[in-house]
Amino acid sequence: MKDFIEKVPITEIDARAWKNPLHTNHPVKKDSNTTHIRIVYDCSCHGNPDLPSLNDCLSSAPPILNKLTTILTRFRLGKYGITTDIEKAFLQVRLDNDDRDATRFFWLSDSTDPTSELIMYRFKVVLFGATCSPFILNSTLLKHLSMNQSKVATILQEDLYVDNVLSSMNSEEATIKYFNESRELLKQGGFNLRSWMSNSDKLRDLALSEKVLDSDKETKILGMRWDAESDTLSFAETKQLKMDTQLTKQMNPADLQTRGLTASQFEDSTLWMNGPQWLTDDRKYHRTRDTQK
């Protein structure tokens, strides 16, 4: 963790006091062999209802992402599919020294004792939960790749989606060359490509020998699942009940409490008292019926 965060020196705590320090939201459990639990910071949280959150103060520039449909379509063109991702991608991008104070947060001096003294830290790198983080990561990667005129740099620019890469080749020799050259190119920028998977036996054997093979039976590829050995794609069926639970914060009554609400705001909140509009306005929101049993 020493590469990602640092203690705020005592002499600086009052010098540039950040009056609305970040709050840890919750640990996110991931269905992955590489990252089991990840702490995500709620940068939209208002520690004080009268003060802006960190995300309110940040620019939410477009993250410069390639189109999902284009990447998934191109992934299916070649005979051999290849997937990989960048290890701890966000944490490899450093924050400017002048910007680090905006990412201050408190942590227990003894994580096993909830009553222990609070210590103030700040991030040295881009963090999960900040609205500008995807843009910073992708602009950094694209800048690094644009400085190289090789074919592999062009492929990576086209096949990159946040920290995931989906490519395809027409020969196993091409997959091996791509594996070696792409790893070396991103290594020069401080990034490590891991969790490789392919329907090419040669590439899987090479990735295994280099200890960067994805050990999952099925590989997640941007909302779908790929069984590389049988070379089949699948996706989970979304039922109506699950769809109804995915509410934006403008329609989610519970979000009011998690973001901070004064007593008067709570009393005047029609969203909390009556629920979202779509529950009662049948003219604007037509009712649907789940016919699945």
C-alpha atoms as a PDB file:
ATOM      1  CA  MET A   1       0.000   0.000   0.000  1.00  0.00           C
ATOM      2  CA  LYS A   2       2.960   2.359   0.475  1.00  0.00           C
ATOM      3  CA  ASP A   3       3.093   2.835  -3.302  1.00  0.00           C
ATOM      4  CA  PHE A   4      -0.558   3.910  -3.426  1.00  0.00           C
ATOM      5  CA  ILE A   5      -1.181   6.049  -0.322  1.00  0.00           C
ATOM      6  CA  GLU A   6       0.830   8.142   2.112  1.00  0.00           C
ATOM      7  CA  LYS A   7       0.294   9.600   5.578  1.00  0.00           C
ATOM      8  CA  VAL A   8      -0.435  13.304   5.642  1.00  0.00           C
ATOM      9  CA  PRO A   9       2.414  14.931   7.607  1.00  0.00           C
ATOM     10  CA  ILE A  10       1.344  16.614  10.845  1.00  0.00           C
ATOM     11  CA  THR A  11       2.649  19.934   9.537  1.00  0.00           C
ATOM     12  CA  GLU A  12       0.311  19.744   6.530  1.00  0.00           C
ATOM     13  CA  ILE A  13      -2.918  18.640   8.203  1.00  0.00           C
ATOM     14  CA  ASP A  14      -4.065  22.203   8.887  1.00  0.00           C
ATOM     15  CA  ALA A  15      -2.137  23.894   6.071  1.00  0.00           C
ATOM     16  CA  ARG A  16      -4.486  22.762   3.318  1.00  0.00           C
ATOM     17  CA  ALA A  17      -7.305  21.217   5.291  1.00  0.00           C
ATOM     18  CA  TRP A  18      -9.751  19.196   3.227  1.00  0.00           C
ATOM     19  CA  LYS A  19     -12.977  19.705   5.166  1.00  0.00           C
ATOM     20  CA  ASN A  20     -14.838  16.887   3.463  1.00  0.00           C
ATOM     21  CA  PRO A  21     -12.547  13.822   3.583  1.00  0.00           C
ATOM     22  CA  LEU A  22     -13.486  10.722   1.645  1.00  0.00           C
ATOM     23  CA  HIS A  23     -15.565   7.999   3.233  1.00  0.00           C
ATOM     24  CA  THR A  24     -14.967   4.351   2.460  1.00  0.00           C
ATOM     25  CA  ASN A  25     -18.117   3.038   0.858  1.00  0.00           C
ATOM     26  CA  HIS A  26     -17.680  -0.704   1.253  1.00  0.00           C
ATOM     27  CA  PRO A  27     -15.431  -3.535   0.133  1.00  0.00           C
ATOM     28  CA  VAL A  28     -16.585  -4.890  -3.223  1.00  0.00           C
ATOM     29  CA  LYS A  29     -16.335  -8.647  -3.606  1.00  0.00           C
ATOM     30  CA  LYS A  30     -15.352  -9.637  -7.117  1.00  0.00           C
ATOM     31  CA  ASP A  31     -15.921 -12.985  -8.801  1.00  0.00           C
ATOM     32  CA  SER A  32     -12.281 -13.164  -9.824  1.00  0.00           C
ATOM     33  CA  ASN A  33      -9.185 -15.155  -8.953  1.00  0.00           C
ATOM     34  CA  THR A  34      -6.936 -12.096  -9.254  1.00  0.00           C
ATOM     35  CA  THR A  35      -8.865  -9.561  -7.151  1.00  0.00           C
ATOM     36  CA  HIS A  36     -11.162 -11.028  -4.487  1.00  0.00           C
ATOM     37  CA  ILE A  37     -11.976  -7.847  -2.558  1.00  0.00           C
ATOM     38  CA  ARG A  38     -11.476  -4.224  -3.568  1.00  0.00           C
ATOM     39  CA  ILE A  39     -12.166  -1.113  -1.488  1.00  0.00           C
ATOM     40  CA  VAL A  40     -14.124   1.453  -3.485  1.00  0.00           C
ATOM     41  CA  TYR A  41     -14.308   5.013  -2.167  1.00  0.00           C
ATOM     42  CA  ASP A  42     -17.638   6.820  -2.335  1.00  0.00           C
ATOM     43  CA  CYS A  43     -16.441  10.084  -3.837  1.00  0.00           C
ATOM     44  CA  SER A  44     -20.069  11.229  -4.222  1.00  0.00           C
ATOM     45  CA  CYS A  45     -20.688  11.123  -0.474  1.00  0.00           C
ATOM     46  CA  HIS A  46     -21.450  14.421   1.302  1.00  0.00           C
ATOM     47  CA  GLY A  47     -19.876  14.327   4.764  1.00  0.00           C
ATOM     48  CA  ASN A  48     -21.682  17.614   5.312  1.00  0.00           C
ATOM     49  CA  PRO A  49     -24.895  18.317   3.327  1.00  0.00           C
ATOM     50  CA  ASP A  50     -23.781  21.929   2.916  1.00  0.00           C
ATOM     51  CA  LEU A  51     -20.453  20.994   1.320  1.00  0.00           C
ATOM     52  CA  PRO A  52     -19.849  19.495  -2.129  1.00  0.00           C
ATOM     53  CA  SER A  53     -18.612  15.952  -2.539  1.00  0.00           C
ATOM     54  CA  LEU A  54     -15.283  15.243  -4.199  1.00  0.00           C
ATOM     55  CA  ASN A  55     -17.028  14.201  -7.426  1.00  0.00           C
ATOM     56  CA  ASP A  56     -18.925  17.506  -7.428  1.00  0.00           C
ATOM     57  CA  CYS A  57     -15.558  19.251  -7.672  1.00  0.00           C
ATOM     58  CA  LEU A  58     -14.079  17.024 -10.371  1.00  0.00           C
ATOM     59  CA  SER A  59     -14.482  17.243 -14.121  1.00  0.00           C
ATOM     60  CA  SER A  60     -16.452  14.285 -15.483  1.00  0.00           C
ATOM     61  CA  ALA A  61     -14.852  14.335 -18.925  1.00  0.00           C
ATOM     62  CA  PRO A  62     -15.768  11.550 -21.383  1.00  0.00           C
ATOM     63  CA  PRO A  63     -13.509   8.544 -20.683  1.00  0.00           C
ATOM     64  CA  ILE A  64     -12.436   8.190 -24.367  1.00  0.00           C
ATOM     65  CA  LEU A  65     -13.634   4.595 -24.578  1.00  0.00           C
ATOM     66  CA  ASN A  66     -13.825   2.484 -27.712  1.00  0.00           C
ATOM     67  CA  LYS A  67     -17.307   1.267 -28.637  1.00  0.00           C
ATOM     68  CA  LEU A  68     -18.265  -2.031 -27.031  1.00  0.00           C
ATOM     69  CA  THR A  69     -20.039  -3.359 -30.115  1.00  0.00           C
ATOM     70  CA  THR A  70     -17.007  -2.613 -32.285  1.00  0.00           C
ATOM     71  CA  ILE A  71     -14.614  -4.388 -29.915  1.00  0.00           C
ATOM     72  CA  LEU A  72     -16.863  -7.444 -29.499  1.00  0.00           C
ATOM     73  CA  THR A  73     -17.450  -7.706 -33.255  1.00  0.00           C
ATOM     74  CA  ARG A  74     -13.755  -7.434 -34.095  1.00  0.00           C
ATOM     75  CA  PHE A  75     -12.977  -9.991 -31.376  1.00  0.00           C
ATOM     76  CA  ARG A  76     -14.978 -12.579 -33.353  1.00  0.00           C
ATOM     77  CA  LEU A  77     -13.351 -11.888 -36.740  1.00  0.00           C
ATOM     78  CA  GLY A  78     -10.052 -13.748 -36.318  1.00  0.00           C
ATOM     79  CA  LYS A  79      -9.598 -17.490 -35.869  1.00  0.00           C
ATOM     80  CA  TYR A  80      -7.934 -17.060 -32.481  1.00  0.00           C
ATOM     81  CA  GLY A  81      -9.418 -14.840 -29.797  1.00  0.00           C
ATOM     82  CA  ILE A  82      -7.210 -13.231 -27.142  1.00  0.00           C
ATOM     83  CA  THR A  83      -8.206 -11.573 -23.873  1.00  0.00           C
ATOM     84  CA  THR A  84      -6.079  -9.926 -21.218  1.00  0.00           C
ATOM     85  CA  ASP A  85      -6.306  -7.094 -18.709  1.00  0.00           C
ATOM     86  CA  ILE A  86      -4.010  -4.555 -17.111  1.00  0.00           C
ATOM     87  CA  GLU A  87      -3.105  -5.383 -13.516  1.00  0.00           C
ATOM     88  CA  LYS A  88      -4.248  -2.693 -11.051  1.00  0.00           C
ATOM     89  CA  ALA A  89      -4.428  -0.248 -13.947  1.00  0.00           C
ATOM     90  CA  PHE A  90      -5.769   2.773 -12.050  1.00  0.00           C
ATOM     91  CA  LEU A  91      -3.174   2.380  -9.316  1.00  0.00           C
ATOM     92  CA  GLN A  92      -0.316   2.633 -11.832  1.00  0.00           C
ATOM     93  CA  VAL A  93      -1.155   6.257 -12.698  1.00  0.00           C
ATOM     94  CA  ARG A  94       0.357   8.830 -10.342  1.00  0.00           C
ATOM     95  CA  LEU A  95      -1.461  11.913  -9.113  1.00  0.00           C
ATOM     96  CA  ASP A  96       0.242  15.279  -9.278  1.00  0.00           C
ATOM     97  CA  ASN A  97       1.541  16.333  -5.862  1.00  0.00           C
ATOM     98  CA  ASP A  98      -0.731  19.394  -5.829  1.00  0.00           C
ATOM     99  CA  ASP A  99      -3.836  17.232  -6.380  1.00  0.00           C
ATOM    100  CA  ARG A 100      -3.246  14.639  -3.677  1.00  0.00           C
ATOM    101  CA  ASP A 101      -4.738  16.653  -0.816  1.00  0.00           C
ATOM    102  CA  ALA A 102      -8.161  16.397  -2.462  1.00  0.00           C
ATOM    103  CA  THR A 103      -8.045  12.630  -1.893  1.00  0.00           C
ATOM    104  CA  ARG A 104      -7.483  12.684   1.876  1.00  0.00           C
ATOM    105  CA  PHE A 105      -9.249  10.056   3.951  1.00  0.00           C
ATOM    106  CA  PHE A 106      -9.226   8.609   7.463  1.00  0.00           C
ATOM    107  CA  TRP A 107      -8.172   5.088   8.383  1.00  0.00           C
ATOM    108  CA  LEU A 108      -7.809   3.274  11.698  1.00  0.00           C
ATOM    109  CA  SER A 109      -4.332   3.137  13.189  1.00  0.00           C
ATOM    110  CA  ASP A 110      -5.200  -0.452  14.136  1.00  0.00           C
ATOM    111  CA  SER A 111      -7.566  -2.045  11.614  1.00  0.00           C
ATOM    112  CA  THR A 112      -8.485  -4.746  14.144  1.00  0.00           C
ATOM    113  CA  ASP A 113      -9.630  -2.173  16.722  1.00  0.00           C
ATOM    114  CA  PRO A 114     -12.565   0.059  15.665  1.00  0.00           C
ATOM    115  CA  THR A 115     -11.899   2.388  18.617  1.00  0.00           C
ATOM    116  CA  SER A 116      -8.271   3.061  17.671  1.00  0.00           C
ATOM    117  CA  GLU A 117      -7.011   6.490  16.641  1.00  0.00           C
ATOM    118  CA  LEU A 118      -7.849   7.771  13.160  1.00  0.00           C
ATOM    119  CA  ILE A 119      -4.931   8.516  10.850  1.00  0.00           C
ATOM    120  CA  MET A 120      -5.215  10.848   7.848  1.00  0.00           C
ATOM    121  CA  TYR A 121      -3.916   9.517   4.538  1.00  0.00           C
ATOM    122  CA  ARG A 122      -4.044  10.689   0.930  1.00  0.00           C
ATOM    123  CA  PHE A 123      -3.759   8.904  -2.377  1.00  0.00           C
ATOM    124  CA  LYS A 124      -0.629   9.083  -4.509  1.00  0.00           C
ATOM    125  CA  VAL A 125      -2.400   7.416  -7.440  1.00  0.00           C
ATOM    126  CA  VAL A 126      -5.729   7.484  -9.280  1.00  0.00           C
ATOM    127  CA  LEU A 127      -8.444   5.957  -7.082  1.00  0.00           C
ATOM    128  CA  PHE A 128     -11.579   3.892  -7.635  1.00  0.00           C
ATOM    129  CA  GLY A 129     -14.781   5.890  -7.308  1.00  0.00           C
ATOM    130  CA  ALA A 130     -13.614   9.266  -8.634  1.00  0.00           C
ATOM    131  CA  THR A 131     -15.637  10.437 -11.626  1.00  0.00           C
ATOM    132  CA  CYS A 132     -12.542  11.498 -13.565  1.00  0.00           C
ATOM    133  CA  SER A 133     -10.539   8.288 -13.024  1.00  0.00           C
ATOM    134  CA  PRO A 134     -11.574   6.466 -16.255  1.00  0.00           C
ATOM    135  CA  PHE A 135     -10.613   9.515 -18.328  1.00  0.00           C
ATOM    136  CA  ILE A 136      -7.230   9.873 -16.613  1.00  0.00           C
ATOM    137  CA  LEU A 137      -6.423   6.182 -17.079  1.00  0.00           C
ATOM    138  CA  ASN A 138      -7.423   6.027 -20.739  1.00  0.00           C
ATOM    139  CA  SER A 139      -5.758   9.290 -21.695  1.00  0.00           C
ATOM    140  CA  THR A 140      -2.551   8.036 -20.054  1.00  0.00           C
ATOM    141  CA  LEU A 141      -2.681   4.713 -21.902  1.00  0.00           C
ATOM    142  CA  LEU A 142      -3.496   6.309 -25.258  1.00  0.00           C
ATOM    143  CA  LYS A 143      -0.694   8.840 -24.818  1.00  0.00           C
ATOM    144  CA  HIS A 144       1.793   6.055 -24.139  1.00  0.00           C
ATOM    145  CA  LEU A 145       0.592   3.958 -27.100  1.00  0.00           C
ATOM    146  CA  SER A 146       0.508   6.913 -29.499  1.00  0.00           C
ATOM    147  CA  MET A 147       4.230   7.466 -28.915  1.00  0.00           C
ATOM    148  CA  ASN A 148       4.933   4.070 -30.485  1.00  0.00           C
ATOM    149  CA  GLN A 149       4.399   3.526 -34.223  1.00  0.00           C
ATOM    150  CA  SER A 150       4.346  -0.284 -34.140  1.00  0.00           C
ATOM    151  CA  LYS A 151       1.463  -2.447 -35.325  1.00  0.00           C
ATOM    152  CA  VAL A 152       0.886  -3.829 -31.831  1.00  0.00           C
ATOM    153  CA  ALA A 153       0.441  -0.286 -30.476  1.00  0.00           C
ATOM    154  CA  THR A 154      -2.312   0.334 -33.037  1.00  0.00           C
ATOM    155  CA  ILE A 155      -4.034  -2.944 -32.143  1.00  0.00           C
ATOM    156  CA  LEU A 156      -3.969  -2.099 -28.441  1.00  0.00           C
ATOM    157  CA  GLN A 157      -5.416   1.368 -29.066  1.00  0.00           C
ATOM    158  CA  GLU A 158      -8.323  -0.164 -31.002  1.00  0.00           C
ATOM    159  CA  ASP A 159      -8.948  -3.159 -28.713  1.00  0.00           C
ATOM    160  CA  LEU A 160      -8.645  -1.431 -25.329  1.00  0.00           C
ATOM    161  CA  TYR A 161     -11.685  -0.860 -23.081  1.00  0.00           C
ATOM    162  CA  VAL A 162     -10.731   0.743 -19.743  1.00  0.00           C
ATOM    163  CA  ASP A 163      -8.291  -1.930 -18.486  1.00  0.00           C
ATOM    164  CA  ASN A 164      -9.486  -4.828 -20.665  1.00  0.00           C
ATOM    165  CA  VAL A 165      -8.081  -5.853 -24.048  1.00  0.00           C
ATOM    166  CA  LEU A 166      -9.927  -8.072 -26.551  1.00  0.00           C
ATOM    167  CA  SER A 167      -8.122  -8.978 -29.772  1.00  0.00           C
ATOM    168  CA  SER A 168      -8.130 -11.690 -32.433  1.00  0.00           C
ATOM    169  CA  MET A 169      -5.538 -13.129 -34.826  1.00  0.00           C
ATOM    170  CA  ASN A 170      -5.638 -15.556 -37.754  1.00  0.00           C
ATOM    171  CA  SER A 171      -2.581 -17.640 -36.837  1.00  0.00           C
ATOM    172  CA  GLU A 172      -1.040 -18.996 -33.666  1.00  0.00           C
ATOM    173  CA  GLU A 173       2.289 -17.466 -34.638  1.00  0.00           C
ATOM    174  CA  ALA A 174       0.612 -14.041 -34.679  1.00  0.00           C
ATOM    175  CA  THR A 175      -0.867 -14.624 -31.212  1.00  0.00           C
ATOM    176  CA  ILE A 176       2.575 -15.453 -29.776  1.00  0.00           C
ATOM    177  CA  LYS A 177       4.116 -12.359 -31.356  1.00  0.00           C
ATOM    178  CA  TYR A 178       1.259 -10.219 -30.048  1.00  0.00           C
ATOM    179  CA  PHE A 179       1.651 -11.673 -26.545  1.00  0.00           C
ATOM    180  CA  ASN A 180       5.356 -10.843 -26.363  1.00  0.00           C
ATOM    181  CA  GLU A 181       5.254  -7.421 -28.019  1.00  0.00           C
ATOM    182  CA  SER A 182       2.180  -6.092 -26.194  1.00  0.00           C
ATOM    183  CA  ARG A 183       3.546  -7.085 -22.793  1.00  0.00           C
ATOM    184  CA  GLU A 184       6.865  -5.406 -23.510  1.00  0.00           C
ATOM    185  CA  LEU A 185       5.212  -2.243 -24.852  1.00  0.00           C
ATOM    186  CA  LEU A 186       2.953  -1.735 -21.832  1.00  0.00           C
ATOM    187  CA  LYS A 187       5.757  -2.696 -19.454  1.00  0.00           C
ATOM    188  CA  GLN A 188       7.641   0.347 -20.741  1.00  0.00           C
ATOM    189  CA  GLY A 189       4.770   2.485 -19.440  1.00  0.00           C
ATOM    190  CA  GLY A 190       4.660   0.747 -16.059  1.00  0.00           C
ATOM    191  CA  PHE A 191       1.680  -1.508 -16.854  1.00  0.00           C
ATOM    192  CA  ASN A 192       1.485  -5.300 -16.612  1.00  0.00           C
ATOM    193  CA  LEU A 193      -0.781  -7.391 -18.860  1.00  0.00           C
ATOM    194  CA  ARG A 194      -2.082 -10.421 -16.963  1.00  0.00           C
ATOM    195  CA  SER A 195      -4.990 -12.934 -17.009  1.00  0.00           C
ATOM    196  CA  TRP A 196      -4.346 -14.002 -20.594  1.00  0.00           C
ATOM    197  CA  MET A 197      -6.768 -16.381 -22.283  1.00  0.00           C
ATOM    198  CA  SER A 198      -7.078 -17.676 -25.836  1.00  0.00           C
ATOM    199  CA  ASN A 199      -8.456 -20.575 -27.842  1.00  0.00           C
ATOM    200  CA  SER A 200      -4.876 -20.975 -29.096  1.00  0.00           C
ATOM    201  CA  ASP A 201      -3.209 -23.881 -27.288  1.00  0.00           C
ATOM    202  CA  LYS A 202       0.237 -22.403 -27.921  1.00  0.00           C
ATOM    203  CA  LEU A 203      -0.667 -19.056 -26.382  1.00  0.00           C
ATOM    204  CA  ARG A 204      -2.278 -20.692 -23.345  1.00  0.00           C
ATOM    205  CA  ASP A 205       0.846 -22.801 -22.795  1.00  0.00           C
ATOM    206  CA  LEU A 206       3.069 -19.731 -23.094  1.00  0.00           C
ATOM    207  CA  ALA A 207       0.910 -17.687 -20.710  1.00  0.00           C
ATOM    208  CA  LEU A 208       0.934 -20.585 -18.239  1.00  0.00           C
ATOM    209  CA  SER A 209       4.731 -20.800 -18.356  1.00  0.00           C
ATOM    210  CA  GLU A 210       4.919 -17.031 -17.742  1.00  0.00           C
ATOM    211  CA  LYS A 211       2.393 -17.354 -14.868  1.00  0.00           C
ATOM    212  CA  VAL A 212      -0.065 -14.896 -16.447  1.00  0.00           C
ATOM    213  CA  LEU A 213      -2.760 -17.350 -17.604  1.00  0.00           C
ATOM    214  CA  ASP A 214      -6.352 -16.685 -16.524  1.00  0.00           C
ATOM    215  CA  SER A 215      -7.304 -19.600 -14.273  1.00  0.00           C
ATOM    216  CA  ASP A 216     -11.072 -19.070 -14.556  1.00  0.00           C
ATOM    217  CA  LYS A 217     -13.033 -21.709 -16.475  1.00  0.00           C
ATOM    218  CA  GLU A 218     -14.966 -18.975 -18.266  1.00  0.00           C
ATOM    219  CA  THR A 219     -13.473 -15.580 -19.028  1.00  0.00           C
ATOM    220  CA  LYS A 220     -15.555 -12.434 -18.609  1.00  0.00           C
ATOM    221  CA  ILE A 221     -15.408 -10.271 -21.718  1.00  0.00           C
ATOM    222  CA  LEU A 222     -17.307  -6.995 -21.384  1.00  0.00           C
ATOM    223  CA  GLY A 223     -20.631  -8.364 -20.200  1.00  0.00           C
ATOM    224  CA  MET A 224     -20.335 -11.791 -21.820  1.00  0.00           C
ATOM    225  CA  ARG A 225     -18.606 -15.049 -20.903  1.00  0.00           C
ATOM    226  CA  TRP A 226     -16.179 -16.939 -23.115  1.00  0.00           C
ATOM    227  CA  ASP A 227     -15.221 -20.578 -22.744  1.00  0.00           C
ATOM    228  CA  ALA A 228     -11.948 -20.537 -24.666  1.00  0.00           C
ATOM    229  CA  GLU A 229     -11.484 -24.316 -24.807  1.00  0.00           C
ATOM    230  CA  SER A 230     -14.847 -24.882 -26.489  1.00  0.00           C
ATOM    231  CA  ASP A 231     -14.708 -21.398 -28.083  1.00  0.00           C
ATOM    232  CA  THR A 232     -18.273 -20.501 -27.114  1.00  0.00           C
ATOM    233  CA  LEU A 233     -19.757 -17.180 -26.013  1.00  0.00           C
ATOM    234  CA  SER A 234     -22.661 -16.898 -23.563  1.00  0.00           C
ATOM    235  CA  PHE A 235     -24.422 -14.306 -21.458  1.00  0.00           C
ATOM    236  CA  ALA A 236     -26.629 -14.371 -18.371  1.00  0.00           C
ATOM    237  CA  GLU A 237     -30.351 -13.865 -18.856  1.00  0.00           C
ATOM    238  CA  THR A 238     -31.613 -10.676 -17.209  1.00  0.00           C
ATOM    239  CA  LYS A 239     -35.051 -11.090 -15.670  1.00  0.00           C
ATOM    240  CA  GLN A 240     -37.569  -8.325 -15.050  1.00  0.00           C
ATOM    241  CA  LEU A 241     -37.068  -8.438 -11.271  1.00  0.00           C
ATOM    242  CA  LYS A 242     -33.323  -7.807 -11.612  1.00  0.00           C
ATOM    243  CA  MET A 243     -33.957  -4.980 -14.073  1.00  0.00           C
ATOM    244  CA  ASP A 244     -36.265  -3.245 -11.605  1.00  0.00           C
ATOM    245  CA  THR A 245     -33.593  -3.235  -8.898  1.00  0.00           C
ATOM    246  CA  GLN A 246     -31.167  -1.214 -11.020  1.00  0.00           C
ATOM    247  CA  LEU A 247     -32.327   2.336 -10.235  1.00  0.00           C
ATOM    248  CA  THR A 248     -30.563   5.590 -10.938  1.00  0.00           C
ATOM    249  CA  LYS A 249     -29.963   7.764  -7.884  1.00  0.00           C
ATOM    250  CA  GLN A 250     -32.685  10.194  -9.026  1.00  0.00           C
ATOM    251  CA  MET A 251     -35.247   7.385  -8.589  1.00  0.00           C
ATOM    252  CA  ASN A 252     -33.773   5.533  -5.629  1.00  0.00           C
ATOM    253  CA  PRO A 253     -35.220   6.580  -2.229  1.00  0.00           C
ATOM    254  CA  ALA A 254     -32.461   4.779  -0.313  1.00  0.00           C
ATOM    255  CA  ASP A 255     -29.863   6.889  -2.090  1.00  0.00           C
ATOM    256  CA  LEU A 256     -31.115   9.984  -0.270  1.00  0.00           C
ATOM    257  CA  GLN A 257     -29.989   8.635   3.085  1.00  0.00           C
ATOM    258  CA  THR A 258     -26.643   7.298   1.897  1.00  0.00           C
ATOM    259  CA  ARG A 259     -25.739  10.662   0.322  1.00  0.00           C
ATOM    260  CA  GLY A 260     -26.744  12.730   3.363  1.00  0.00           C
ATOM    261  CA  LEU A 261     -30.033  14.532   4.010  1.00  0.00           C
ATOM    262  CA  THR A 262     -31.061  17.236   6.483  1.00  0.00           C
ATOM    263  CA  ALA A 263     -34.240  16.874   8.562  1.00  0.00           C
ATOM    264  CA  SER A 264     -36.086  19.523   6.530  1.00  0.00           C
ATOM    265  CA  GLN A 265     -35.019  17.963   3.237  1.00  0.00           C
ATOM    266  CA  PHE A 266     -36.188  14.576   4.484  1.00  0.00           C
ATOM    267  CA  GLU A 267     -39.577  15.980   5.508  1.00  0.00           C
ATOM    268  CA  ASP A 268     -40.111  17.591   2.099  1.00  0.00           C
ATOM    269  CA  SER A 269     -38.917  14.605   0.103  1.00  0.00           C
ATOM    270  CA  THR A 270     -41.727  13.207  -2.038  1.00  0.00           C
ATOM    271  CA  LEU A 271     -39.346  10.555  -3.344  1.00  0.00           C
ATOM    272  CA  TRP A 272     -38.848   9.114   0.142  1.00  0.00           C
ATOM    273  CA  MET A 273     -42.508   9.406   1.151  1.00  0.00           C
ATOM    274  CA  ASN A 274     -44.107   8.201  -2.094  1.00  0.00           C
ATOM    275  CA  GLY A 275     -41.395   6.303  -3.915  1.00  0.00           C
ATOM    276  CA  PRO A 276     -40.281   6.876  -7.524  1.00  0.00           C
ATOM    277  CA  GLN A 277     -42.763   8.256 -10.049  1.00  0.00           C
ATOM    278  CA  TRP A 278     -42.942   5.094 -12.084  1.00  0.00           C
ATOM    279  CA  LEU A 279     -44.698   3.315  -9.197  1.00  0.00           C
ATOM    280  CA  THR A 280     -47.743   5.595  -9.366  1.00  0.00           C
ATOM    281  CA  ASP A 281     -47.760   7.377 -12.750  1.00  0.00           C
ATOM    282  CA  ASP A 282     -49.306   4.737 -15.030  1.00  0.00           C
ATOM    283  CA  ARG A 283     -49.741   7.155 -17.924  1.00  0.00           C
ATOM    284  CA  LYS A 284     -46.085   8.072 -18.190  1.00  0.00           C
ATOM    285  CA  TYR A 285     -44.704   4.688 -17.127  1.00  0.00           C
ATOM    286  CA  HIS A 286     -46.666   1.804 -18.610  1.00  0.00           C
ATOM    287  CA  ARG A 287     -46.865  -1.223 -16.367  1.00  0.00           C
ATOM    288  CA  THR A 288     -45.249  -4.458 -17.510  1.00  0.00           C
ATOM    289  CA  ARG A 289     -45.873  -7.956 -16.293  1.00  0.00           C
ATOM    290  CA  ASP A 290     -43.278 -10.640 -15.790  1.00  0.00           C
ATOM    291  CA  THR A 291     -44.801 -13.711 -17.399  1.00  0.00           C
ATOM    292  CA  GLN A 292     -41.895 -15.989 -16.499  1.00  0.00           C
ATOM    293  CA  LYS A 293     -42.694 -18.568 -13.839  1.00  0.00           C
END
